């Protein structure tokens, strides 16, 4: 399985990425072994994720989310919280 995820960083910024092991990837980010962007903004917290069958689908969705303005990303996150 492949995932697209959004992290809320320690400074309140949002980071979007993709992985095939969501739990392991979030742990790596929090250990400072993730992206350079998150390494300087610890701790991070998973606030949104989507699951995909293929790596290509996940990467396409990641690209689409990264192009969204912050307000639309926050709307995605709020929508997910409604189902929690």
Protein backbone atom coordinates (compact mmCIF):
# COMPACT_ATOMS: atom_id res chain seq x y z
CA UNK A 1 0.00 0.00 0.00
CA UNK A 2 1.13 3.56 -0.69
CA UNK A 3 0.18 6.69 1.21
CA UNK A 4 0.09 10.44 0.78
CA UNK A 5 0.31 12.29 4.06
CA UNK A 6 0.33 15.76 5.53
CA UNK A 7 2.33 16.55 8.64
CA UNK A 8 1.88 19.54 10.90
CA UNK A 9 5.37 20.69 11.86
CA UNK A 10 6.44 22.18 15.18
CA UNK A 11 6.32 25.69 13.70
CA UNK A 12 2.75 25.19 12.43
CA UNK A 13 3.74 24.72 8.79
CA UNK A 14 2.47 21.80 6.73
CA UNK A 15 4.55 19.20 4.90
CA UNK A 16 3.19 16.80 2.28
CA UNK A 17 4.88 13.56 1.26
CA UNK A 18 4.30 9.98 0.16
CA UNK A 19 5.48 6.63 1.48
CA UNK A 20 4.75 2.92 1.45
CA UNK A 21 5.04 2.64 5.26
CA UNK A 22 3.23 5.51 6.94
CA UNK A 23 4.03 4.73 10.57
CA UNK A 24 7.72 4.17 9.88
CA UNK A 25 7.95 7.36 7.79
CA UNK A 26 6.38 9.57 10.46
CA UNK A 27 8.76 8.08 13.05
CA UNK A 28 11.69 8.80 10.71
CA UNK A 29 10.59 12.42 10.33
CA UNK A 30 10.44 12.79 14.12
CA UNK A 31 13.92 11.31 14.51
CA UNK A 32 15.25 13.94 12.09
CA UNK A 33 15.75 11.36 9.33
CA UNK A 34 12.94 12.55 7.07
CA UNK A 35 13.00 15.47 4.70
CA UNK A 36 15.36 18.40 5.24
CA UNK A 37 12.29 20.62 5.61
CA UNK A 38 10.87 18.71 8.58
CA UNK A 39 14.25 18.12 10.21
CA UNK A 40 14.42 21.81 11.10
CA UNK A 41 10.77 21.94 12.28
CA UNK A 42 10.40 19.12 14.80
CA UNK A 43 8.30 17.64 16.20
CA UNK A 44 5.87 16.69 13.45
CA UNK A 45 2.39 15.25 13.81
CA UNK A 46 0.44 13.27 11.20
CA UNK A 47 -2.76 15.17 10.45
CA UNK A 48 -3.92 13.67 7.14
CA UNK A 49 -3.40 10.61 4.96
CA UNK A 50 -4.83 8.89 1.89
CA UNK A 51 -4.15 5.31 0.76
CA UNK A 52 -3.43 4.21 -2.82
CA UNK A 53 -2.74 0.90 -4.53
CA UNK A 54 0.13 2.15 -6.68
CA UNK A 55 3.17 4.32 -6.07
CA UNK A 56 2.31 6.32 -9.19
CA UNK A 57 -1.16 7.21 -7.87
CA UNK A 58 0.30 8.29 -4.53
CA UNK A 59 2.96 10.41 -6.18
CA UNK A 60 0.41 12.08 -8.46
CA UNK A 61 -1.81 12.89 -5.49
CA UNK A 62 1.17 14.21 -3.52
CA UNK A 63 2.01 16.55 -6.40
CA UNK A 64 -1.62 17.74 -6.56
CA UNK A 65 -1.80 18.40 -2.82
CA UNK A 66 1.53 20.25 -2.82
CA UNK A 67 0.09 22.64 -5.40
CA UNK A 68 -2.90 23.49 -3.18
CA UNK A 69 -2.90 26.67 -1.14
CA UNK A 70 -2.63 26.23 2.63
CA UNK A 71 -6.35 26.97 3.07
CA UNK A 72 -7.30 23.99 0.87
CA UNK A 73 -4.86 21.71 2.71
CA UNK A 74 -6.44 22.76 6.00
CA UNK A 75 -9.87 21.98 4.54
CA UNK A 76 -8.65 18.46 3.67
CA UNK A 77 -7.41 18.02 7.22
CA UNK A 78 -10.66 19.30 8.73
CA UNK A 79 -12.61 16.93 6.50
CA UNK A 80 -10.60 13.99 7.82
CA UNK A 81 -11.13 15.09 11.42
CA UNK A 82 -14.87 14.92 10.84
CA UNK A 83 -14.50 11.16 10.33
CA UNK A 84 -12.24 10.56 13.36
